[in-house]
């Protein structure tokens, strides 16, 4: 029996210390590289200063735009809200929502995205999960959301409650 979409949960994202440290270090390195290049007084490489400035300094706001803010179940969909934009996964397409252990991410390689700057965000691949999208800022309290076509990994500090509400909303209760 399907429910009427009245159950809701929104869980804000929290950052673990490792994500904070990696983000600070990445920003310092990016700004530092650009500052060193600008400090080098070479007229021959004047265009290089601007290109590196755009790449180094541009990486920060572009990466920040994808930063996850909250994960919710409402209106028959799972929604990841990012600093800019969101990802909606209709519950009708969801096959499973379950907790996974951090070891399920072992051996993952980044296909496209961030490997620590503002979190682990983007497309990843490993032998256990295949290709998946990951949107985490801490490496515990992990959720796997699968549809027939895609897999997502999120973190959620209220995972049991989130899974229960998502399952009820899907009509699997």
Protein backbone atom coordinates (compact mmCIF):
# COMPACT_ATOMS: atom_id res chain seq x y z
CA UNK A 1 0.00 0.00 0.00
CA UNK A 2 1.44 3.39 -1.01
CA UNK A 3 1.37 6.25 1.47
CA UNK A 4 0.20 9.76 0.76
CA UNK A 5 3.60 11.43 0.90
CA UNK A 6 3.05 12.92 4.37
CA UNK A 7 6.14 11.44 6.03
CA UNK A 8 9.25 13.61 5.78
CA UNK A 9 12.79 13.69 7.08
CA UNK A 10 15.60 16.15 6.45
CA UNK A 11 19.07 15.45 7.77
CA UNK A 12 21.72 18.17 7.57
CA UNK A 13 25.21 17.20 6.47
CA UNK A 14 28.03 17.43 9.01
CA UNK A 15 31.74 17.55 8.25
CA UNK A 16 34.21 15.21 9.89
CA UNK A 17 37.62 16.54 10.89
CA UNK A 18 39.34 14.85 7.93
CA UNK A 19 37.11 16.68 5.43
CA UNK A 20 37.74 20.01 7.16
CA UNK A 21 41.52 19.47 7.15
CA UNK A 22 41.61 18.34 3.49
CA UNK A 23 39.45 21.30 2.44
CA UNK A 24 41.63 23.82 4.28
CA UNK A 25 44.84 22.27 2.89
CA UNK A 26 43.48 22.21 -0.67
CA UNK A 27 42.43 25.86 -0.48
CA UNK A 28 45.81 26.88 0.98
CA UNK A 29 47.66 24.96 -1.76
CA UNK A 30 45.49 26.36 -4.57
CA UNK A 31 45.82 29.94 -3.34
CA UNK A 32 49.52 29.37 -2.59
CA UNK A 33 50.30 28.07 -6.08
CA UNK A 34 48.59 31.06 -7.62
CA UNK A 35 50.36 33.49 -5.24
CA UNK A 36 53.78 32.00 -6.09
CA UNK A 37 53.08 32.23 -9.81
CA UNK A 38 51.97 35.87 -9.45
CA UNK A 39 55.05 36.67 -7.34
CA UNK A 40 57.39 35.44 -10.09
CA UNK A 41 58.21 38.56 -12.05
CA UNK A 42 58.38 37.17 -15.56
CA UNK A 43 56.81 39.09 -18.42
CA UNK A 44 57.16 36.10 -20.76
CA UNK A 45 54.72 34.08 -18.68
CA UNK A 46 52.19 36.86 -18.00
CA UNK A 47 49.34 34.93 -19.64
CA UNK A 48 50.28 31.85 -17.57
CA UNK A 49 49.62 33.79 -14.37
CA UNK A 50 46.07 34.49 -15.44
CA UNK A 51 45.41 30.95 -16.65
CA UNK A 52 46.75 29.43 -13.42
CA UNK A 53 44.81 32.00 -11.42
CA UNK A 54 41.59 31.09 -13.15
CA UNK A 55 42.25 27.34 -12.72
CA UNK A 56 43.52 27.47 -9.12
CA UNK A 57 41.13 30.07 -7.75
CA UNK A 58 38.23 28.92 -9.94
CA UNK A 59 38.42 25.39 -8.52
CA UNK A 60 37.35 26.65 -5.11
CA UNK A 61 33.90 28.13 -5.90
CA UNK A 62 33.18 25.46 -8.52
CA UNK A 63 33.88 22.69 -5.99
CA UNK A 64 31.96 24.53 -3.27
CA UNK A 65 28.88 24.69 -5.49
CA UNK A 66 28.56 20.88 -5.25
CA UNK A 67 28.91 20.82 -1.47
CA UNK A 68 26.06 18.74 0.02
CA UNK A 69 23.92 20.52 2.64
CA UNK A 70 21.13 18.07 3.47
CA UNK A 71 19.49 14.78 2.53
CA UNK A 72 15.73 14.40 2.71
CA UNK A 73 12.76 12.21 1.93
CA UNK A 74 9.64 14.20 1.04
CA UNK A 75 7.05 14.29 -1.72
CA UNK A 76 7.86 10.73 -2.86
CA UNK A 77 11.53 11.44 -3.60
CA UNK A 78 14.96 11.45 -2.01
CA UNK A 79 16.61 14.85 -2.39
CA UNK A 80 20.22 15.84 -1.90
CA UNK A 81 20.41 19.61 -1.53
CA UNK A 82 23.74 21.10 -2.55
CA UNK A 83 25.01 24.63 -2.14
CA UNK A 84 23.92 25.15 -5.76
CA UNK A 85 21.26 22.83 -7.14
CA UNK A 86 19.97 19.49 -5.99
CA UNK A 87 19.63 15.86 -6.97
CA UNK A 88 16.16 14.28 -6.89
CA UNK A 89 15.70 10.52 -6.91
CA UNK A 90 12.03 9.49 -7.33
CA UNK A 91 11.11 6.82 -4.79
CA UNK A 92 9.22 4.96 -7.52
CA UNK A 93 12.61 4.25 -9.15
CA UNK A 94 14.40 3.19 -5.94
CA UNK A 95 15.14 -0.51 -5.62
CA UNK A 96 16.90 -0.40 -2.24
CA UNK A 97 17.96 2.02 0.49
CA UNK A 98 20.33 0.47 3.02
CA UNK A 99 23.24 1.21 5.31
CA UNK A 100 26.70 0.19 4.16
CA UNK A 101 29.99 -0.06 6.00
CA UNK A 102 32.89 2.24 5.10
CA UNK A 103 34.84 -0.81 3.86
CA UNK A 104 32.40 -0.96 0.92
CA UNK A 105 34.22 2.12 -0.41
CA UNK A 106 37.67 0.51 -0.18
CA UNK A 107 39.51 0.48 -3.48
CA UNK A 108 37.36 3.26 -4.94
CA UNK A 109 38.84 5.47 -7.60
CA UNK A 110 37.50 8.84 -8.60
CA UNK A 111 36.15 9.00 -12.15
CA UNK A 112 35.15 12.67 -11.90
CA UNK A 113 34.72 14.92 -8.91
CA UNK A 114 36.36 15.89 -5.64
CA UNK A 115 38.45 13.56 -3.53
CA UNK A 116 38.28 15.62 -0.35
CA UNK A 117 37.81 19.31 -1.21
CA UNK A 118 34.41 20.05 0.39
CA UNK A 119 33.86 16.27 0.73
CA UNK A 120 34.02 13.24 -1.51
CA UNK A 121 31.73 14.30 -4.31
CA UNK A 122 31.10 12.99 -7.80
CA UNK A 123 31.48 9.74 -9.73
CA UNK A 124 33.53 6.90 -8.28
CA UNK A 125 34.12 3.24 -9.08
CA UNK A 126 35.20 0.12 -7.21
CA UNK A 127 34.79 -3.65 -7.50
CA UNK A 128 32.06 -3.98 -4.87
CA UNK A 129 29.70 -1.22 -6.01
CA UNK A 130 30.71 -0.71 -9.64
CA UNK A 131 30.23 2.89 -10.78
CA UNK A 132 28.40 5.11 -8.30
CA UNK A 133 27.85 8.74 -7.36
CA UNK A 134 29.11 9.65 -3.91
CA UNK A 135 28.09 12.70 -1.90
CA UNK A 136 29.69 12.39 1.54
CA UNK A 137 31.37 14.73 4.01
CA UNK A 138 32.06 12.03 6.58
CA UNK A 139 33.05 8.43 6.04
CA UNK A 140 30.58 6.83 8.43
CA UNK A 141 26.79 6.61 8.60
CA UNK A 142 26.75 5.66 4.93
CA UNK A 143 23.62 4.97 2.89
CA UNK A 144 23.42 3.22 -0.45
CA UNK A 145 20.50 4.21 -2.66
CA UNK A 146 20.04 2.05 -5.75
CA UNK A 147 17.77 2.37 -8.73
CA UNK A 148 17.79 0.03 -11.71
CA UNK A 149 20.18 2.36 -13.54
CA UNK A 150 22.31 4.08 -10.84
CA UNK A 151 23.81 3.90 -7.37
CA UNK A 152 24.37 6.74 -4.91
CA UNK A 153 26.27 6.79 -1.62
CA UNK A 154 25.30 9.44 0.92
CA UNK A 155 26.06 9.94 4.60
CA UNK A 156 23.20 10.36 7.04
CA UNK A 157 23.46 10.56 10.82
CA UNK A 158 19.84 9.42 11.20
CA UNK A 159 20.21 6.50 8.78
CA UNK A 160 17.75 4.11 10.44
CA UNK A 161 14.97 6.70 10.54
CA UNK A 162 15.77 7.82 6.99
CA UNK A 163 15.60 4.23 5.68
CA UNK A 164 12.34 3.56 7.54
CA UNK A 165 10.64 6.66 6.11
CA UNK A 166 11.99 6.07 2.59
CA UNK A 167 10.80 2.45 2.73
CA UNK A 168 7.35 3.45 3.99
CA UNK A 169 7.05 6.12 1.31
CA UNK A 170 8.03 3.60 -1.36
CA UNK A 171 5.19 1.41 -0.17
CA UNK A 172 7.36 -1.51 0.96
CA UNK A 173 6.16 -1.57 4.58
